[in-house]
Amino acid sequence: MSHLEEAILRRFEGSTIVLFGLTVAVAGLLPLLLYVAFGPEDGNPVRLGLLAIAAVPTGGIIALAGIIKLLVRHFQRDG
C-alpha cells in the first residue's frame, strides 16, 4: 500500500469513507435522474449516462472500502 493510501485510511473513519462513497454515487446519478424526470421527452442524455456509469461503480468501490475498514476495526477490537 502506498503512503498516500495509508495516510488517507488512517485519517478518515470507515463511516466517513462509506458516506463519501455514497455521496459520489448519488452525485453522479442525480443529474441523469433529474433529466429523465424534468427534461424533454425526446432528449438523449448520453453524457449524463456516461457520468452515471462512471460515478456509481466508483462510489460503490469507495463505500465498500469503508465497510471493509469498519469490519476490520470491529474485529480488531474484539480480538
PDB file of N, CA and C in Angstrom:
ATOM      1  N   MET A   1       0.850  -1.166   0.000  1.00  0.00           N
ATOM      2  CA  MET A   1       0.000   0.000   0.000  1.00  0.00           C
ATOM      3  C   MET A   1       0.904   1.239   0.000  1.00  0.00           C
ATOM      4  N   SER A   2       0.526   2.226  -0.774  1.00  0.00           N
ATOM      5  CA  SER A   2       1.343   3.426  -0.857  1.00  0.00           C
ATOM      6  C   SER A   2       1.151   4.286   0.390  1.00  0.00           C
ATOM      7  N   HIS A   3       2.043   5.231   0.558  1.00  0.00           N
ATOM      8  CA  HIS A   3       1.969   6.104   1.726  1.00  0.00           C
ATOM      9  C   HIS A   3       0.715   6.973   1.685  1.00  0.00           C
ATOM     10  N   LEU A   4       0.296   7.376   0.499  1.00  0.00           N
ATOM     11  CA  LEU A   4      -0.911   8.190   0.365  1.00  0.00           C
ATOM     12  C   LEU A   4      -2.144   7.407   0.798  1.00  0.00           C
ATOM     13  N   GLU A   5      -2.269   6.171   0.333  1.00  0.00           N
ATOM     14  CA  GLU A   5      -3.413   5.343   0.731  1.00  0.00           C
ATOM     15  C   GLU A   5      -3.432   5.111   2.230  1.00  0.00           C
ATOM     16  N   GLU A   6      -2.283   4.830   2.792  1.00  0.00           N
ATOM     17  CA  GLU A   6      -2.202   4.589   4.230  1.00  0.00           C
ATOM     18  C   GLU A   6      -2.558   5.848   5.016  1.00  0.00           C
ATOM     19  N   ALA A   7      -2.109   6.994   4.551  1.00  0.00           N
ATOM     20  CA  ALA A   7      -2.434   8.247   5.243  1.00  0.00           C
ATOM     21  C   ALA A   7      -3.927   8.545   5.178  1.00  0.00           C
ATOM     22  N   ILE A   8      -4.540   8.279   4.032  1.00  0.00           N
ATOM     23  CA  ILE A   8      -5.980   8.520   3.896  1.00  0.00           C
ATOM     24  C   ILE A   8      -6.763   7.569   4.787  1.00  0.00           C
ATOM     25  N   LEU A   9      -6.391   6.295   4.783  1.00  0.00           N
ATOM     26  CA  LEU A   9      -7.121   5.327   5.587  1.00  0.00           C
ATOM     27  C   LEU A   9      -6.955   5.567   7.082  1.00  0.00           C
ATOM     28  N   ARG A  10      -5.814   6.086   7.492  1.00  0.00           N
ATOM     29  CA  ARG A  10      -5.635   6.391   8.917  1.00  0.00           C
ATOM     30  C   ARG A  10      -6.353   7.677   9.320  1.00  0.00           C
ATOM     31  N   ARG A  11      -6.503   8.588   8.388  1.00  0.00           N
ATOM     32  CA  ARG A  11      -7.088   9.885   8.715  1.00  0.00           C
ATOM     33  C   ARG A  11      -8.604   9.831   8.834  1.00  0.00           C
ATOM     34  N   PHE A  12      -9.254   9.064   7.972  1.00  0.00           N
ATOM     35  CA  PHE A  12     -10.706   9.038   7.932  1.00  0.00           C
ATOM     36  C   PHE A  12     -11.255   7.757   8.545  1.00  0.00           C
ATOM     37  N   GLU A  13     -12.359   7.873   9.255  1.00  0.00           N
ATOM     38  CA  GLU A  13     -13.042   6.718   9.810  1.00  0.00           C
ATOM     39  C   GLU A  13     -13.765   5.967   8.705  1.00  0.00           C
ATOM     40  N   GLY A  14     -14.109   4.728   8.952  1.00  0.00           N
ATOM     41  CA  GLY A  14     -14.804   3.919   7.961  1.00  0.00           C
ATOM     42  C   GLY A  14     -16.161   4.487   7.591  1.00  0.00           C
ATOM     43  N   SER A  15     -16.888   5.001   8.581  1.00  0.00           N
ATOM     44  CA  SER A  15     -18.210   5.558   8.289  1.00  0.00           C
ATOM     45  C   SER A  15     -18.109   6.797   7.404  1.00  0.00           C
ATOM     46  N   THR A  16     -17.068   7.580   7.552  1.00  0.00           N
ATOM     47  CA  THR A  16     -16.861   8.747   6.705  1.00  0.00           C
ATOM     48  C   THR A  16     -16.564   8.320   5.272  1.00  0.00           C
ATOM     49  N   ILE A  17     -15.793   7.257   5.114  1.00  0.00           N
ATOM     50  CA  ILE A  17     -15.468   6.752   3.787  1.00  0.00           C
ATOM     51  C   ILE A  17     -16.721   6.205   3.112  1.00  0.00           C
ATOM     52  N   VAL A  18     -17.547   5.481   3.860  1.00  0.00           N
ATOM     53  CA  VAL A  18     -18.802   4.961   3.306  1.00  0.00           C
ATOM     54  C   VAL A  18     -19.699   6.111   2.871  1.00  0.00           C
ATOM     55  N   LEU A  19     -19.831   7.119   3.702  1.00  0.00           N
ATOM     56  CA  LEU A  19     -20.676   8.269   3.368  1.00  0.00           C
ATOM     57  C   LEU A  19     -20.152   8.990   2.130  1.00  0.00           C
ATOM     58  N   PHE A  20     -18.840   9.139   2.011  1.00  0.00           N
ATOM     59  CA  PHE A  20     -18.262   9.781   0.836  1.00  0.00           C
ATOM     60  C   PHE A  20     -18.534   8.962  -0.424  1.00  0.00           C
ATOM     61  N   GLY A  21     -18.399   7.644  -0.333  1.00  0.00           N
ATOM     62  CA  GLY A  21     -18.668   6.790  -1.485  1.00  0.00           C
ATOM     63  C   GLY A  21     -20.118   6.883  -1.937  1.00  0.00           C
ATOM     64  N   LEU A  22     -21.039   6.884  -0.991  1.00  0.00           N
ATOM     65  CA  LEU A  22     -22.447   7.015  -1.347  1.00  0.00           C
ATOM     66  C   LEU A  22     -22.743   8.391  -1.932  1.00  0.00           C
ATOM     67  N   THR A  23     -22.075   9.415  -1.437  1.00  0.00           N
ATOM     68  CA  THR A  23     -22.249  10.763  -1.973  1.00  0.00           C
ATOM     69  C   THR A  23     -21.761  10.842  -3.420  1.00  0.00           C
ATOM     70  N   VAL A  24     -20.646  10.212  -3.705  1.00  0.00           N
ATOM     71  CA  VAL A  24     -20.123  10.193  -5.077  1.00  0.00           C
ATOM     72  C   VAL A  24     -21.114   9.490  -6.003  1.00  0.00           C
ATOM     73  N   ALA A  25     -21.646   8.366  -5.561  1.00  0.00           N
ATOM     74  CA  ALA A  25     -22.589   7.620  -6.391  1.00  0.00           C
ATOM     75  C   ALA A  25     -23.863   8.420  -6.649  1.00  0.00           C
ATOM     76  N   VAL A  26     -24.407   9.023  -5.613  1.00  0.00           N
ATOM     77  CA  VAL A  26     -25.641   9.803  -5.768  1.00  0.00           C
ATOM     78  C   VAL A  26     -25.390  11.053  -6.602  1.00  0.00           C
ATOM     79  N   ALA A  27     -24.251  11.707  -6.395  1.00  0.00           N
ATOM     80  CA  ALA A  27     -23.943  12.915  -7.168  1.00  0.00           C
ATOM     81  C   ALA A  27     -23.756  12.608  -8.651  1.00  0.00           C
ATOM     82  N   GLY A  28     -23.315  11.422  -8.981  1.00  0.00           N
ATOM     83  CA  GLY A  28     -23.169  11.049 -10.379  1.00  0.00           C
ATOM     84  C   GLY A  28     -24.471  10.591 -11.008  1.00  0.00           C
ATOM     85  N   LEU A  29     -25.370  10.057 -10.214  1.00  0.00           N
ATOM     86  CA  LEU A  29     -26.637   9.549 -10.727  1.00  0.00           C
ATOM     87  C   LEU A  29     -27.739  10.604 -10.740  1.00  0.00           C
ATOM     88  N   LEU A  30     -27.684  11.540  -9.820  1.00  0.00           N
ATOM     89  CA  LEU A  30     -28.748  12.533  -9.667  1.00  0.00           C
ATOM     90  C   LEU A  30     -28.994  13.382 -10.920  1.00  0.00           C
ATOM     91  N   PRO A  31     -27.973  13.873 -11.628  1.00  0.00           N
ATOM     92  CA  PRO A  31     -28.262  14.649 -12.842  1.00  0.00           C
ATOM     93  C   PRO A  31     -29.046  13.864 -13.891  1.00  0.00           C
ATOM     94  N   LEU A  32     -28.723  12.595 -14.059  1.00  0.00           N
ATOM     95  CA  LEU A  32     -29.451  11.772 -15.019  1.00  0.00           C
ATOM     96  C   LEU A  32     -30.902  11.588 -14.581  1.00  0.00           C
ATOM     97  N   LEU A  33     -31.114  11.324 -13.307  1.00  0.00           N
ATOM     98  CA  LEU A  33     -32.475  11.152 -12.812  1.00  0.00           C
ATOM     99  C   LEU A  33     -33.289  12.433 -12.942  1.00  0.00           C
ATOM    100  N   LEU A  34     -32.667  13.574 -12.684  1.00  0.00           N
ATOM    101  CA  LEU A  34     -33.379  14.844 -12.835  1.00  0.00           C
ATOM    102  C   LEU A  34     -33.697  15.134 -14.294  1.00  0.00           C
ATOM    103  N   TYR A  35     -32.792  14.776 -15.188  1.00  0.00           N
ATOM    104  CA  TYR A  35     -33.047  14.981 -16.612  1.00  0.00           C
ATOM    105  C   TYR A  35     -34.200  14.104 -17.085  1.00  0.00           C
ATOM    106  N   VAL A  36     -34.211  12.871 -16.623  1.00  0.00           N
ATOM    107  CA  VAL A  36     -35.298  11.968 -17.009  1.00  0.00           C
ATOM    108  C   VAL A  36     -36.626  12.473 -16.467  1.00  0.00           C
ATOM    109  N   ALA A  37     -36.625  12.996 -15.246  1.00  0.00           N
ATOM    110  CA  ALA A  37     -37.867  13.450 -14.628  1.00  0.00           C
ATOM    111  C   ALA A  37     -38.364  14.768 -15.211  1.00  0.00           C
ATOM    112  N   PHE A  38     -37.460  15.707 -15.480  1.00  0.00           N
ATOM    113  CA  PHE A  38     -37.878  17.055 -15.862  1.00  0.00           C
ATOM    114  C   PHE A  38     -37.451  17.488 -17.262  1.00  0.00           C
ATOM    115  N   GLY A  39     -36.632  16.703 -17.929  1.00  0.00           N
ATOM    116  CA  GLY A  39     -36.130  17.076 -19.254  1.00  0.00           C
ATOM    117  C   GLY A  39     -37.148  16.787 -20.336  1.00  0.00           C
ATOM    118  N   PRO A  40     -36.777  17.112 -21.567  1.00  0.00           N
ATOM    119  CA  PRO A  40     -37.689  16.860 -22.681  1.00  0.00           C
ATOM    120  C   PRO A  40     -37.868  15.356 -22.907  1.00  0.00           C
ATOM    121  N   GLU A  41     -39.023  14.994 -23.417  1.00  0.00           N
ATOM    122  CA  GLU A  41     -39.325  13.579 -23.621  1.00  0.00           C
ATOM    123  C   GLU A  41     -38.452  12.939 -24.696  1.00  0.00           C
ATOM    124  N   ASP A  42     -38.057  13.723 -25.682  1.00  0.00           N
ATOM    125  CA  ASP A  42     -37.240  13.169 -26.755  1.00  0.00           C
ATOM    126  C   ASP A  42     -35.751  13.436 -26.558  1.00  0.00           C
ATOM    127  N   GLY A  43     -35.346  13.766 -25.337  1.00  0.00           N
ATOM    128  CA  GLY A  43     -33.942  14.058 -25.055  1.00  0.00           C
ATOM    129  C   GLY A  43     -33.089  12.799 -25.061  1.00  0.00           C
ATOM    130  N   ASN A  44     -31.804  12.997 -25.224  1.00  0.00           N
ATOM    131  CA  ASN A  44     -30.864  11.889 -25.259  1.00  0.00           C
ATOM    132  C   ASN A  44     -29.657  12.251 -24.388  1.00  0.00           C
ATOM    133  N   PRO A  45     -29.728  11.994 -23.089  1.00  0.00           N
ATOM    134  CA  PRO A  45     -28.657  12.412 -22.168  1.00  0.00           C
ATOM    135  C   PRO A  45     -27.485  11.433 -22.129  1.00  0.00           C
ATOM    136  N   VAL A  46     -26.754  11.351 -23.226  1.00  0.00           N
ATOM    137  CA  VAL A  46     -25.652  10.389 -23.314  1.00  0.00           C
ATOM    138  C   VAL A  46     -24.558  10.713 -22.301  1.00  0.00           C
ATOM    139  N   ARG A  47     -24.170  11.969 -22.219  1.00  0.00           N
ATOM    140  CA  ARG A  47     -23.084  12.342 -21.299  1.00  0.00           C
ATOM    141  C   ARG A  47     -23.484  12.121 -19.853  1.00  0.00           C
ATOM    142  N   LEU A  48     -24.740  12.395 -19.525  1.00  0.00           N
ATOM    143  CA  LEU A  48     -25.192  12.150 -18.157  1.00  0.00           C
ATOM    144  C   LEU A  48     -25.221  10.659 -17.852  1.00  0.00           C
ATOM    145  N   GLY A  49     -25.552   9.853 -18.844  1.00  0.00           N
ATOM    146  CA  GLY A  49     -25.500   8.406 -18.666  1.00  0.00           C
ATOM    147  C   GLY A  49     -24.085   7.907 -18.448  1.00  0.00           C
ATOM    148  N   LEU A  50     -23.149   8.459 -19.204  1.00  0.00           N
ATOM    149  CA  LEU A  50     -21.747   8.082 -19.022  1.00  0.00           C
ATOM    150  C   LEU A  50     -21.230   8.513 -17.651  1.00  0.00           C
ATOM    151  N   LEU A  51     -21.667   9.686 -17.192  1.00  0.00           N
ATOM    152  CA  LEU A  51     -21.298  10.130 -15.848  1.00  0.00           C
ATOM    153  C   LEU A  51     -21.813   9.150 -14.804  1.00  0.00           C
ATOM    154  N   ALA A  52     -23.055   8.723 -14.950  1.00  0.00           N
ATOM    155  CA  ALA A  52     -23.631   7.768 -14.003  1.00  0.00           C
ATOM    156  C   ALA A  52     -22.907   6.426 -14.055  1.00  0.00           C
ATOM    157  N   ILE A  53     -22.556   5.991 -15.268  1.00  0.00           N
ATOM    158  CA  ILE A  53     -21.836   4.721 -15.420  1.00  0.00           C
ATOM    159  C   ILE A  53     -20.477   4.775 -14.719  1.00  0.00           C
ATOM    160  N   ALA A  54     -19.838   5.929 -14.723  1.00  0.00           N
ATOM    161  CA  ALA A  54     -18.534   6.058 -14.070  1.00  0.00           C
ATOM    162  C   ALA A  54     -18.660   6.288 -12.566  1.00  0.00           C
ATOM    163  N   ALA A  55     -19.648   7.083 -12.158  1.00  0.00           N
ATOM    164  CA  ALA A  55     -19.725   7.502 -10.759  1.00  0.00           C
ATOM    165  C   ALA A  55     -20.286   6.422  -9.837  1.00  0.00           C
ATOM    166  N   VAL A  56     -21.268   5.673 -10.293  1.00  0.00           N
ATOM    167  CA  VAL A  56     -21.899   4.687  -9.407  1.00  0.00           C
ATOM    168  C   VAL A  56     -20.936   3.558  -9.013  1.00  0.00           C
ATOM    169  N   PRO A  57     -20.227   2.928  -9.948  1.00  0.00           N
ATOM    170  CA  PRO A  57     -19.261   1.910  -9.506  1.00  0.00           C
ATOM    171  C   PRO A  57     -18.113   2.486  -8.679  1.00  0.00           C
ATOM    172  N   THR A  58     -17.667   3.691  -9.028  1.00  0.00           N
ATOM    173  CA  THR A  58     -16.595   4.323  -8.253  1.00  0.00           C
ATOM    174  C   THR A  58     -17.055   4.575  -6.821  1.00  0.00           C
ATOM    175  N   GLY A  59     -18.243   5.132  -6.673  1.00  0.00           N
ATOM    176  CA  GLY A  59     -18.788   5.351  -5.335  1.00  0.00           C
ATOM    177  C   GLY A  59     -19.003   4.054  -4.587  1.00  0.00           C
ATOM    178  N   GLY A  60     -19.422   3.016  -5.302  1.00  0.00           N
ATOM    179  CA  GLY A  60     -19.607   1.713  -4.664  1.00  0.00           C
ATOM    180  C   GLY A  60     -18.302   1.120  -4.164  1.00  0.00           C
ATOM    181  N   ILE A  61     -17.249   1.267  -4.941  1.00  0.00           N
ATOM    182  CA  ILE A  61     -15.934   0.761  -4.524  1.00  0.00           C
ATOM    183  C   ILE A  61     -15.434   1.529  -3.304  1.00  0.00           C
ATOM    184  N   ILE A  62     -15.629   2.833  -3.289  1.00  0.00           N
ATOM    185  CA  ILE A  62     -15.213   3.635  -2.144  1.00  0.00           C
ATOM    186  C   ILE A  62     -16.011   3.232  -0.907  1.00  0.00           C
ATOM    187  N   ALA A  63     -17.324   3.054  -1.069  1.00  0.00           N
ATOM    188  CA  ALA A  63     -18.164   2.645   0.055  1.00  0.00           C
ATOM    189  C   ALA A  63     -17.766   1.257   0.551  1.00  0.00           C
ATOM    190  N   LEU A  64     -17.443   0.360  -0.358  1.00  0.00           N
ATOM    191  CA  LEU A  64     -17.012  -0.982   0.027  1.00  0.00           C
ATOM    192  C   LEU A  64     -15.709  -0.929   0.822  1.00  0.00           C
ATOM    193  N   ALA A  65     -14.798  -0.050   0.427  1.00  0.00           N
ATOM    194  CA  ALA A  65     -13.548   0.110   1.183  1.00  0.00           C
ATOM    195  C   ALA A  65     -13.840   0.601   2.599  1.00  0.00           C
ATOM    196  N   GLY A  66     -14.808   1.501   2.738  1.00  0.00           N
ATOM    197  CA  GLY A  66     -15.183   1.970   4.068  1.00  0.00           C
ATOM    198  C   GLY A  66     -15.814   0.877   4.912  1.00  0.00           C
ATOM    199  N   ILE A  67     -16.641   0.037   4.285  1.00  0.00           N
ATOM    200  CA  ILE A  67     -17.263  -1.069   5.012  1.00  0.00           C
ATOM    201  C   ILE A  67     -16.208  -2.070   5.456  1.00  0.00           C
ATOM    202  N   ILE A  68     -15.253  -2.353   4.596  1.00  0.00           N
ATOM    203  CA  ILE A  68     -14.165  -3.263   4.969  1.00  0.00           C
ATOM    204  C   ILE A  68     -13.370  -2.684   6.127  1.00  0.00           C
ATOM    205  N   LYS A  69     -13.120  -1.385   6.091  1.00  0.00           N
ATOM    206  CA  LYS A  69     -12.382  -0.763   7.194  1.00  0.00           C
ATOM    207  C   LYS A  69     -13.178  -0.858   8.494  1.00  0.00           C
ATOM    208  N   LEU A  70     -14.493  -0.656   8.424  1.00  0.00           N
ATOM    209  CA  LEU A  70     -15.331  -0.795   9.613  1.00  0.00           C
ATOM    210  C   LEU A  70     -15.286  -2.216  10.161  1.00  0.00           C
ATOM    211  N   LEU A  71     -15.341  -3.207   9.276  1.00  0.00           N
ATOM    212  CA  LEU A  71     -15.296  -4.597   9.720  1.00  0.00           C
ATOM    213  C   LEU A  71     -13.949  -4.958  10.338  1.00  0.00           C
ATOM    214  N   VAL A  72     -12.865  -4.503   9.712  1.00  0.00           N
ATOM    215  CA  VAL A  72     -11.540  -4.779  10.256  1.00  0.00           C
ATOM    216  C   VAL A  72     -11.394  -4.146  11.634  1.00  0.00           C
ATOM    217  N   ARG A  73     -11.848  -2.912  11.775  1.00  0.00           N
ATOM    218  CA  ARG A  73     -11.764  -2.230  13.062  1.00  0.00           C
ATOM    219  C   ARG A  73     -12.600  -2.959  14.125  1.00  0.00           C
ATOM    220  N   HIS A  74     -13.773  -3.450  13.715  1.00  0.00           N
ATOM    221  CA  HIS A  74     -14.648  -4.167  14.638  1.00  0.00           C
ATOM    222  C   HIS A  74     -13.983  -5.449  15.136  1.00  0.00           C
ATOM    223  N   PHE A  75     -13.398  -6.219  14.232  1.00  0.00           N
ATOM    224  CA  PHE A  75     -12.779  -7.468  14.626  1.00  0.00           C
ATOM    225  C   PHE A  75     -11.458  -7.255  15.364  1.00  0.00           C
ATOM    226  N   GLN A  76     -10.766  -6.161  15.137  1.00  0.00           N
ATOM    227  CA  GLN A  76      -9.554  -5.875  15.890  1.00  0.00           C
ATOM    228  C   GLN A  76      -9.872  -5.543  17.327  1.00  0.00           C
ATOM    229  N   ARG A  77     -10.990  -4.869  17.562  1.00  0.00           N
ATOM    230  CA  ARG A  77     -11.383  -4.540  18.926  1.00  0.00           C
ATOM    231  C   ARG A  77     -11.821  -5.774  19.703  1.00  0.00           C
ATOM    232  N   ASP A  78     -12.463  -6.730  19.022  1.00  0.00           N
ATOM    233  CA  ASP A  78     -12.924  -7.943  19.692  1.00  0.00           C
ATOM    234  C   ASP A  78     -11.772  -8.862  20.057  1.00  0.00           C
ATOM    235  N   GLY A  79     -10.719  -8.855  19.256  1.00  0.00           N
ATOM    236  CA  GLY A  79      -9.624  -9.797  19.457  1.00  0.00           C
ATOM    237  C   GLY A  79      -8.688  -9.300  20.459  1.00  0.00           C
TER     238      GLY A  79
END
